[in-house]
Protein backbone atom coordinates (compact mmCIF):
# COMPACT_ATOMS: atom_id res chain seq x y z
CA MET A 1 14.68 6.86 -30.25
CA LYS A 2 15.46 7.26 -26.58
CA SER A 3 18.60 5.73 -25.22
CA GLY A 4 18.17 2.29 -23.67
CA LYS A 5 20.28 3.41 -20.75
CA LEU A 6 18.29 6.60 -20.18
CA LYS A 7 15.03 4.77 -19.55
CA TRP A 8 16.66 2.79 -16.77
CA VAL A 9 17.98 6.01 -15.23
CA ALA A 10 14.43 7.37 -15.45
CA LEU A 11 13.14 4.21 -13.74
CA LEU A 12 15.62 4.68 -10.89
CA CYS A 13 14.46 8.27 -10.44
CA LEU A 14 10.87 7.02 -10.22
CA MET A 15 11.65 4.16 -7.83
CA VAL A 16 13.19 6.20 -5.03
CA PRO A 17 10.14 8.39 -4.21
CA MET A 18 7.97 5.25 -3.95
CA PHE A 19 10.57 3.43 -1.83
CA ALA A 20 10.64 6.44 0.50
CA SER A 21 6.83 6.64 0.57
CA TYR A 22 6.49 2.99 1.62
CA PHE A 23 9.20 3.42 4.26
CA PHE A 24 7.52 6.46 5.80
CA ASP A 25 4.08 4.84 5.75
CA ASP A 26 5.35 1.83 7.71
CA ALA A 27 7.81 3.70 9.93
CA PHE A 28 5.97 2.67 13.11
CA SER A 29 4.59 -0.72 12.06
CA THR A 30 7.19 -2.73 14.00
CA LEU A 31 7.02 -0.26 16.90
CA SER A 32 3.25 -0.38 17.42
CA GLN A 33 3.70 -2.17 20.76
CA ILE A 34 5.22 0.92 22.40
CA PHE A 35 1.90 2.74 22.12
CA GLN A 36 0.35 0.19 24.48
CA HIS A 37 2.22 1.96 27.29
CA PRO A 38 1.63 5.69 26.76
CA GLU A 39 2.97 6.42 30.23
CA THR A 40 6.46 5.57 28.91
CA LEU A 41 6.13 7.87 25.88
CA GLU A 42 6.91 11.54 26.22
CA LEU A 43 4.70 11.82 23.14
CA GLY A 44 1.77 10.53 25.21
CA TRP A 45 -0.08 8.65 22.46
CA ASN A 46 -1.86 5.36 23.15
CA SER A 47 -2.77 2.55 20.74
CA ALA A 48 -6.10 4.18 19.84
CA ASP A 49 -4.23 7.39 18.99
CA TYR A 50 -1.78 5.46 16.83
CA GLY A 51 -4.63 3.71 15.00
CA PHE A 52 -6.33 7.06 14.43
CA TYR A 53 -3.09 8.53 13.07
CA ALA A 54 -2.51 5.53 10.76
CA GLY A 55 -6.01 5.88 9.31
CA GLY A 56 -5.27 9.48 8.35
CA TYR A 57 -3.36 8.27 5.29
CA SER A 58 -6.61 7.49 3.51
CA PHE A 59 -8.84 10.37 4.65
CA LEU A 60 -8.33 12.78 1.75
CA CYS A 61 -8.18 9.87 -0.71
CA VAL A 62 -11.63 8.75 0.44
CA CYS A 63 -12.93 12.32 0.26
CA GLY A 64 -12.44 12.31 -3.49
CA GLY A 65 -8.76 13.12 -3.93
CA LEU A 66 -8.10 10.07 -6.08
CA ILE A 67 -11.00 10.83 -8.40
CA VAL A 68 -9.95 14.46 -8.79
CA CYS A 69 -6.46 13.19 -9.60
CA GLY A 70 -7.65 11.65 -12.86
CA ILE A 71 -9.03 14.99 -14.01
CA LEU A 72 -5.92 16.93 -13.01
CA LEU A 73 -3.55 14.51 -14.72
CA ASP A 74 -5.55 14.77 -17.93
CA LEU A 75 -5.68 18.56 -17.76
CA PHE A 76 -2.10 19.39 -16.80
CA GLY A 77 0.00 16.28 -17.41
CA VAL A 78 2.18 14.03 -15.26
CA ARG A 79 5.11 16.41 -14.83
CA ILE A 80 3.10 19.25 -13.30
CA ILE A 81 0.63 17.22 -11.25
CA GLY A 82 3.23 14.61 -10.26
CA SER A 83 5.51 17.37 -9.00
CA VAL A 84 2.69 18.95 -7.00
CA PHE A 85 1.86 15.71 -5.25
CA VAL A 86 5.42 14.49 -4.72
CA GLY A 87 5.89 17.87 -3.02
CA LEU A 88 2.67 17.34 -1.04
CA MET A 89 4.00 13.97 0.10
CA ALA A 90 7.14 15.69 1.44
CA LEU A 91 5.09 18.47 3.08
CA GLY A 92 2.88 15.95 4.84
CA ALA A 93 5.85 13.91 6.06
CA GLY A 94 7.53 17.08 7.34
CA THR A 95 4.35 18.02 9.21
CA VAL A 96 4.24 14.60 10.88
CA VAL A 97 7.87 14.89 11.99
CA ALA A 98 7.24 18.40 13.33
CA ALA A 99 4.24 17.13 15.29
CA LEU A 100 6.19 14.23 16.80
CA ARG A 101 9.00 16.52 17.94
CA SER A 102 6.84 19.50 18.93
CA GLY A 103 6.33 18.80 22.63
CA LEU A 104 2.69 19.83 22.28
CA ALA A 105 -0.05 18.19 24.35
CA PRO A 106 -0.77 14.63 23.14
CA HIS A 107 -4.14 15.52 21.58
CA THR A 108 -2.71 18.58 19.82
CA SER A 109 0.33 16.75 18.46
CA LEU A 110 -1.94 13.91 17.33
CA MET A 111 -4.22 16.23 15.36
CA LEU A 112 -1.22 17.95 13.76
CA ALA A 113 0.30 14.57 12.85
CA TYR A 114 -3.07 13.41 11.50
CA ALA A 115 -3.22 16.46 9.23
CA GLY A 116 0.31 15.68 8.03
CA CYS A 117 -0.57 12.04 7.44
CA MET A 118 -3.60 13.10 5.36
CA LEU A 119 -1.39 15.27 3.14
CA PHE A 120 1.26 12.57 2.91
CA GLY A 121 -1.31 9.91 2.00
CA LEU A 122 -2.94 11.93 -0.77
CA GLY A 123 0.45 12.97 -2.15
CA SER A 124 1.74 9.40 -2.04
CA GLU A 125 -1.27 7.85 -3.76
CA ILE A 126 -1.36 10.38 -6.58
CA ALA A 127 2.42 10.32 -6.98
CA GLY A 128 2.07 6.56 -7.39
CA VAL A 129 -0.40 7.05 -10.24
CA ALA A 130 2.00 9.52 -11.87
CA VAL A 131 4.90 7.07 -11.50
CA THR A 132 2.90 4.23 -13.07
CA ARG A 133 1.86 6.36 -16.03
CA SER A 134 5.43 7.59 -16.49
CA ILE A 135 6.81 4.04 -16.57
CA ALA A 136 4.20 3.08 -19.17
CA LYS A 137 5.33 6.00 -21.32
CA TRP A 138 9.09 5.45 -21.07
CA PHE A 139 8.94 1.67 -21.53
CA LYS A 140 6.24 1.59 -24.19
CA GLY A 141 7.05 -1.12 -26.68
CA GLY A 142 9.20 -3.24 -24.42
CA ASN A 143 9.86 -4.29 -20.80
CA VAL A 144 6.77 -2.48 -19.46
CA ALA A 145 5.66 -5.34 -17.21
CA PHE A 146 9.18 -5.92 -15.93
CA ALA A 147 9.71 -2.22 -15.21
CA MET A 148 6.41 -1.93 -13.35
CA GLY A 149 7.13 -5.12 -11.42
CA ALA A 150 10.59 -3.87 -10.52
CA GLN A 151 9.14 -0.58 -9.28
CA VAL A 152 6.61 -2.40 -7.07
CA ALA A 153 9.33 -4.71 -5.74
CA VAL A 154 11.60 -1.79 -4.81
CA ALA A 155 8.68 0.06 -3.20
CA ARG A 156 7.86 -2.96 -1.03
CA LEU A 157 11.51 -3.14 -0.06
CA GLY A 158 10.83 0.27 1.48
CA THR A 159 8.32 -1.44 3.75
CA ALA A 160 10.86 -4.15 4.59
CA ALA A 161 13.49 -1.50 5.36
CA ALA A 162 11.07 0.25 7.72
CA PHE A 163 10.26 -3.01 9.50
CA ILE A 164 13.95 -3.74 10.04
CA LEU A 165 15.37 -0.28 10.76
CA SER A 166 12.66 1.27 12.95
CA PRO A 167 13.35 -0.98 15.98
CA VAL A 168 17.05 -0.18 15.51
CA LEU A 169 16.38 3.56 15.42
CA VAL A 170 14.14 3.29 18.50
CA ALA A 171 15.88 0.72 20.66
CA GLN A 172 13.71 -1.16 23.15
CA LYS A 173 14.01 0.16 26.69
CA ALA A 174 13.65 -1.43 30.08
CA PRO A 175 10.14 -1.31 31.59
CA GLY A 176 9.37 2.13 32.99
CA GLU A 177 12.02 4.02 31.01
CA ILE A 178 10.79 6.96 28.94
CA TYR A 179 11.01 7.26 25.16
CA THR A 180 11.83 10.90 24.42
CA LEU A 181 10.21 12.87 21.61
CA SER A 182 13.36 12.83 19.50
CA GLU A 183 13.76 9.05 19.96
CA THR A 184 10.15 8.35 19.00
CA ALA A 185 10.44 10.58 15.93
CA ARG A 186 13.61 8.95 14.56
CA PRO A 187 11.94 6.53 12.08
CA ALA A 188 9.72 9.29 10.66
CA THR A 189 12.69 11.66 10.46
CA PHE A 190 14.72 9.08 8.55
CA GLY A 191 11.73 8.52 6.26
CA LEU A 192 11.50 12.26 5.62
CA ILE A 193 15.16 12.33 4.58
CA LEU A 194 14.46 9.53 2.09
CA ILE A 195 11.45 11.41 0.73
CA LEU A 196 13.53 14.56 0.22
CA ALA A 197 16.02 12.45 -1.75
CA GLY A 198 13.06 11.16 -3.76
CA VAL A 199 11.93 14.73 -4.45
CA LEU A 200 15.39 15.52 -5.82
CA LEU A 201 15.36 12.48 -8.12
CA TRP A 202 11.79 13.26 -9.21
CA GLY A 203 13.06 16.70 -10.27
CA ILE A 204 15.78 15.04 -12.35
CA PHE A 205 13.15 12.81 -13.96
CA VAL A 206 10.95 15.82 -14.81
CA ALA A 207 13.87 17.42 -16.64
CA MET A 208 14.57 14.16 -18.49
CA ASP A 209 10.91 13.74 -19.38
CA ALA A 210 10.62 17.30 -20.73
CA ARG A 211 13.70 16.75 -22.88
CA PHE A 212 12.31 13.44 -24.12
CA ASP A 213 9.08 15.15 -25.20
CA ARG A 214 10.98 17.90 -27.01
CA GLU A 215 13.16 15.41 -28.87
CA HIS A 216 10.16 13.37 -29.97
CA GLY A 217 7.80 16.23 -30.72
CA ILE A 218 5.31 15.22 -28.03
CA ALA A 219 2.98 17.99 -26.88
CA SER A 220 2.41 18.44 -23.17
CA GLY A 221 -0.71 19.35 -21.24
CA ARG A 222 -4.31 18.66 -22.22
CA GLY A 223 -3.55 18.24 -25.89
CA ALA A 224 -1.20 15.34 -25.16
CA VAL A 225 -4.11 13.21 -23.98
CA LYS A 226 -6.27 11.46 -26.53
CA GLU A 227 -9.94 12.32 -26.38
CA GLU A 228 -10.94 8.72 -25.73
CA ASP A 229 -8.59 8.54 -22.74
CA LYS A 230 -9.87 11.61 -20.93
CA PHE A 231 -11.75 11.41 -17.66
CA LYS A 232 -15.52 11.65 -18.08
CA PHE A 233 -18.04 11.71 -15.25
CA SER A 234 -20.33 9.43 -17.29
CA ASP A 235 -17.67 6.71 -16.89
CA LEU A 236 -18.35 6.59 -13.16
CA GLY A 237 -21.92 5.44 -13.66
CA LYS A 238 -20.88 2.76 -16.14
CA LEU A 239 -18.25 1.38 -13.78
CA LEU A 240 -20.46 1.45 -10.70
CA THR A 241 -23.10 -0.62 -12.51
CA ASN A 242 -20.54 -3.17 -13.73
CA SER A 243 -20.98 -6.10 -11.32
CA ARG A 244 -17.58 -7.67 -12.13
CA PHE A 245 -15.84 -4.35 -11.51
CA LEU A 246 -17.63 -4.00 -8.17
CA LEU A 247 -16.60 -7.53 -7.16
CA ILE A 248 -12.93 -6.80 -7.91
CA SER A 249 -13.18 -3.51 -5.99
CA LEU A 250 -14.68 -5.27 -2.96
CA LEU A 251 -12.09 -8.05 -3.13
CA CYS A 252 -9.41 -5.37 -3.22
CA VAL A 253 -10.60 -3.57 -0.09
CA PHE A 254 -11.28 -6.69 2.02
CA PHE A 255 -8.11 -8.48 0.93
CA TYR A 256 -5.71 -5.55 1.27
CA CYS A 257 -7.08 -4.63 4.71
CA CYS A 258 -6.17 -8.17 5.82
CA ILE A 259 -2.55 -7.42 4.92
CA ILE A 260 -1.79 -3.71 5.04
CA SER A 261 -3.83 -2.93 8.17
CA PHE A 262 -2.42 -6.06 9.81
CA LYS A 263 1.15 -4.84 9.18
CA LYS A 264 0.43 -1.68 11.17
CA PHE A 265 -0.08 -3.82 14.29
CA GLY A 266 1.86 -6.94 13.32
CA THR A 267 4.41 -6.90 16.13
CA SER A 268 1.70 -6.08 18.69
CA ILE A 269 0.00 -9.33 17.64
CA VAL A 270 2.88 -11.77 17.22
CA ILE A 271 4.87 -10.72 20.32
CA PRO A 272 2.23 -11.77 22.89
CA ARG A 273 0.80 -14.63 20.81
CA PHE A 274 4.09 -16.43 20.18
CA GLY A 275 6.27 -15.26 23.07
CA MET A 276 8.72 -13.31 20.90
CA ASP A 277 11.00 -10.38 21.54
CA VAL A 278 10.83 -7.23 19.43
CA ASP A 279 13.83 -8.13 17.27
CA SER A 280 12.47 -11.56 16.34
CA ALA A 281 9.00 -10.13 15.76
CA LYS A 282 10.25 -7.48 13.35
CA TRP A 283 12.00 -10.12 11.25
CA MET A 284 8.86 -12.25 11.24
CA ILE A 285 6.69 -9.38 9.97
CA THR A 286 9.39 -8.42 7.44
CA MET A 287 8.81 -11.78 5.76
CA ILE A 288 5.62 -10.33 4.23
CA PRO A 289 7.25 -7.79 1.88
CA PHE A 290 10.20 -10.09 1.20
CA PHE A 291 7.82 -12.83 0.07
CA THR A 292 6.08 -10.44 -2.31
CA VAL A 293 9.37 -9.27 -3.83
CA VAL A 294 10.25 -12.88 -4.67
CA PHE A 295 6.89 -14.40 -5.53
CA THR A 296 4.83 -11.63 -7.14
CA PRO A 297 6.77 -11.63 -10.46
CA LEU A 298 6.73 -15.46 -10.51
CA PHE A 299 2.99 -15.68 -9.88
CA GLY A 300 2.38 -12.93 -12.42
CA ALA A 301 4.20 -14.95 -15.08
CA MET A 302 2.22 -18.04 -14.06
CA VAL A 303 -1.15 -16.26 -14.36
CA ASP A 304 -0.07 -14.74 -17.66
CA LYS A 305 0.80 -18.16 -19.07
CA VAL A 306 -1.85 -20.55 -17.71
CA GLY A 307 -4.69 -18.15 -16.85
CA LYS A 308 -7.22 -19.28 -14.16
CA ALA A 309 -7.02 -15.82 -12.56
CA THR A 310 -10.20 -16.21 -10.50
CA VAL A 311 -8.98 -19.59 -9.20
CA TRP A 312 -5.73 -18.02 -7.98
CA MET A 313 -7.62 -15.10 -6.43
CA GLY A 314 -9.78 -17.55 -4.50
CA PHE A 315 -6.82 -19.68 -3.44
CA GLY A 316 -4.82 -16.64 -2.34
CA SER A 317 -7.77 -15.32 -0.33
CA LEU A 318 -8.15 -18.72 1.36
CA LEU A 319 -4.44 -18.70 2.22
CA VAL A 320 -4.74 -15.29 3.86
CA LEU A 321 -7.84 -16.35 5.81
CA ALA A 322 -6.08 -19.53 6.96
CA ALA A 323 -3.06 -17.45 7.98
CA HIS A 324 -5.17 -15.27 10.26
CA PHE A 325 -6.78 -18.36 11.80
CA VAL A 326 -3.27 -19.63 12.57
CA LEU A 327 -2.22 -16.28 14.03
CA ALA A 328 -5.34 -16.21 16.21
CA PHE A 329 -5.71 -19.83 17.36
CA ALA A 330 -2.38 -21.67 16.97
CA PRO A 331 -0.74 -22.91 20.18
CA GLN A 332 0.28 -20.05 22.43
CA GLY A 333 3.97 -19.20 22.77
CA VAL A 334 5.24 -21.36 19.87
CA PRO A 335 7.12 -19.16 17.34
CA PHE A 336 6.91 -21.82 14.61
CA TRP A 337 3.20 -21.12 14.16
CA GLY A 338 3.86 -17.41 13.83
CA TYR A 339 6.39 -18.00 11.05
CA PHE A 340 4.02 -20.47 9.40
CA GLY A 341 1.10 -18.03 9.50
CA ILE A 342 3.16 -15.10 8.20
CA SER A 343 4.53 -17.29 5.39
CA MET A 344 0.99 -18.08 4.25
CA LEU A 345 0.15 -14.40 4.49
CA GLY A 346 3.14 -13.52 2.29
CA VAL A 347 2.28 -16.11 -0.36
CA GLY A 348 -1.37 -15.00 -0.44
CA TYR A 349 -0.30 -11.36 -0.67
CA SER A 350 1.81 -12.26 -3.70
CA LEU A 351 -0.81 -14.43 -5.41
CA VAL A 352 -4.01 -12.36 -5.30
CA PRO A 353 -2.58 -9.09 -6.71
CA SER A 354 -0.79 -11.04 -9.44
CA ALA A 355 -4.17 -12.32 -10.65
CA MET A 356 -6.40 -9.40 -9.68
CA TRP A 357 -4.76 -6.37 -11.31
CA PRO A 358 -4.34 -7.94 -14.80
CA SER A 359 -8.05 -8.87 -14.68
CA VAL A 360 -9.23 -5.26 -14.59
CA PRO A 361 -8.51 -4.53 -18.30
CA LYS A 362 -10.57 -7.62 -19.18
CA ILE A 363 -13.74 -6.27 -17.57
CA VAL A 364 -13.27 -2.53 -18.21
CA PRO A 365 -12.90 -0.87 -21.63
CA GLU A 366 -9.41 0.52 -22.25
CA ARG A 367 -10.67 4.11 -22.37
CA ASN A 368 -12.00 3.74 -18.81
CA LEU A 369 -8.96 2.11 -17.19
CA GLY A 370 -7.66 5.28 -15.54
CA THR A 371 -11.04 5.96 -13.99
CA ALA A 372 -11.37 2.31 -12.98
CA TYR A 373 -8.05 2.17 -11.14
CA SER A 374 -8.80 5.47 -9.40
CA LEU A 375 -12.15 4.11 -8.22
CA ILE A 376 -10.61 0.87 -6.98
CA TYR A 377 -7.96 2.76 -5.00
CA TRP A 378 -10.70 5.05 -3.66
CA ILE A 379 -12.79 2.11 -2.42
CA GLN A 380 -9.68 0.42 -1.01
CA ASN A 381 -8.77 3.52 0.96
CA MET A 382 -12.15 3.49 2.70
CA GLY A 383 -11.09 0.30 4.40
CA MET A 384 -7.59 1.60 5.04
CA LEU A 385 -9.14 4.60 6.78
CA LEU A 386 -11.43 2.68 9.13
CA VAL A 387 -9.76 -0.65 9.98
CA PRO A 388 -6.68 0.79 11.79
CA ILE A 389 -8.99 2.89 13.97
CA PHE A 390 -10.97 -0.15 15.14
CA VAL A 391 -7.86 -2.27 15.68
CA GLY A 392 -6.18 0.55 17.58
CA ARG A 393 -9.17 0.80 19.91
CA ILE A 394 -8.92 -2.92 20.64
CA PHE A 395 -5.30 -2.56 21.73
CA ASP A 396 -6.21 0.46 23.82
CA ALA A 397 -8.99 -1.40 25.64
CA ARG A 398 -7.28 -4.77 26.05
CA GLN A 399 -3.80 -6.08 26.77
CA GLY A 400 -1.47 -8.85 25.64
CA VAL A 401 -2.83 -12.03 24.13
CA ASP A 402 -6.45 -10.95 24.62
CA ALA A 403 -5.91 -7.84 22.50
CA ALA A 404 -4.01 -9.76 19.82
CA VAL A 405 -6.72 -12.40 19.43
CA HIS A 406 -9.55 -9.85 19.33
CA ALA A 407 -7.66 -7.88 16.68
CA GLU A 408 -7.35 -11.07 14.65
CA TYR A 409 -11.14 -11.48 14.78
CA ILE A 410 -11.39 -8.36 12.60
CA PHE A 411 -8.89 -9.74 10.07
CA ILE A 412 -10.64 -13.13 10.04
CA ALA A 413 -13.95 -11.39 9.27
CA LEU A 414 -12.34 -9.40 6.46
CA GLY A 415 -10.63 -12.51 5.10
CA SER A 416 -13.91 -14.41 5.12
CA LEU A 417 -15.54 -11.65 3.08
CA ALA A 418 -12.61 -11.74 0.64
CA VAL A 419 -13.11 -15.48 0.13
CA VAL A 420 -16.84 -15.02 -0.51
CA ILE A 421 -16.18 -12.22 -3.02
CA ALA A 422 -13.53 -14.32 -4.78
CA ALA A 423 -16.06 -17.17 -5.08
CA LEU A 424 -18.63 -14.80 -6.59
CA LEU A 425 -16.01 -13.55 -9.04
CA ARG A 426 -15.21 -17.14 -10.02
CA ASN A 427 -18.92 -17.73 -10.65
CA ALA A 428 -19.14 -14.52 -12.72
CA SER A 429 -16.25 -15.77 -14.85
CA ARG A 430 -18.09 -19.01 -15.54
CA MET A 431 -21.28 -17.15 -16.45
CA HIS A 432 -19.45 -14.72 -18.74
CA PRO A 433 -16.72 -16.69 -20.55
CA GLU A 434 -16.55 -13.96 -23.18
CA LEU A 435 -14.66 -11.81 -20.63
CA ARG A 436 -11.77 -14.31 -20.74
CA LEU A 437 -10.96 -13.67 -17.07
CA ASP A 438 -9.46 -17.14 -16.74
CA GLU A 439 -7.77 -17.26 -20.11
CA GLY A 440 -4.00 -17.42 -20.39
CA LYS A 441 -1.56 -17.67 -23.26
CA ASN A 442 -1.92 -21.45 -23.31
CA ALA A 443 -5.70 -21.21 -23.62
CA ARG A 444 -5.65 -20.29 -27.32
């Protein structure tokens, strides 16, 4: 039997790479407004360039990286493949930092940073899969849900840390003053340092995991994976013809784009809409991850106990849609409405995932879960690739309140689609009660 203390040390080693990944991914989210004035950036990027760069995270994921990941993990195991992609995450982050500090022409530095962001994104997504599988292994038989919830909470604290620290690392300047390359690169550089610390702790975990396998006589590599759990291409066809699986996948992409893509431009929206300074705006946007840290475990316990998952998915989607209506159309220059809208966004962001992710095992056979989650992440990343590009172009073509409102039109459209999909999922649950989508512990 493994030591109770050792599994918590292993969890800590797994948490730090994900915390660092979330920090790096959101390093510029509360600085997006500076790209509206490229003439003040030695880097020379505008908002369209920033949106293009942000979309790079999902490019390789969309091109099949997440699907290939399932095969590689089955063939070579978590330690080998996880190490490769944790390293790829660090390589991509290092490439981004090098591009930001290079002094190359804006287009050249952008393309180099985009390449780095692609590598970072693929490494981060696959490292996340490896972390999840590792937690399931180490905590099998007890505290699995708590350990996974704790890992997600700590990762989202990485987002909160980026929201808070980035404006400190790149202090706002007077109009017309120039942001140097080194100043602009500070948040990404700090994120890279965190990732390197995560790489070190991942290495410690790999050594612990190898020792654990030796002590318990667990084989590594292909033979460690049960035949029924292995990736099979025939599973793709079965999943893609499963209407309930497709509905959850579509809800995932439309809903998450309303939140994650919004965060990339959050300060650019709330500053002109509600007459806020950068410091106040960053704290407002930081409410989103803080809300999820507090409410996601609570809502998860609620869904687990009382069921009604499709009801909560619909309600959470409505909250997010209402939040974007508030952010777009509430009275101009009144900060209260910004805080109110962001609060609804945070609650919705906590509620929908709490009900959505536990529903997947109810509509997909256990042997296909790995493939199913890979496919959902793949579909989600299609939206994450495209939405930041379109929003970035809006901020490049328009200014101030006009740009903020037009950006919100995109999020309102996505939120409306999420509500429709949630309603269809609710109807599917009623038509197929044998799936027990809305069943909780109290339903027996």
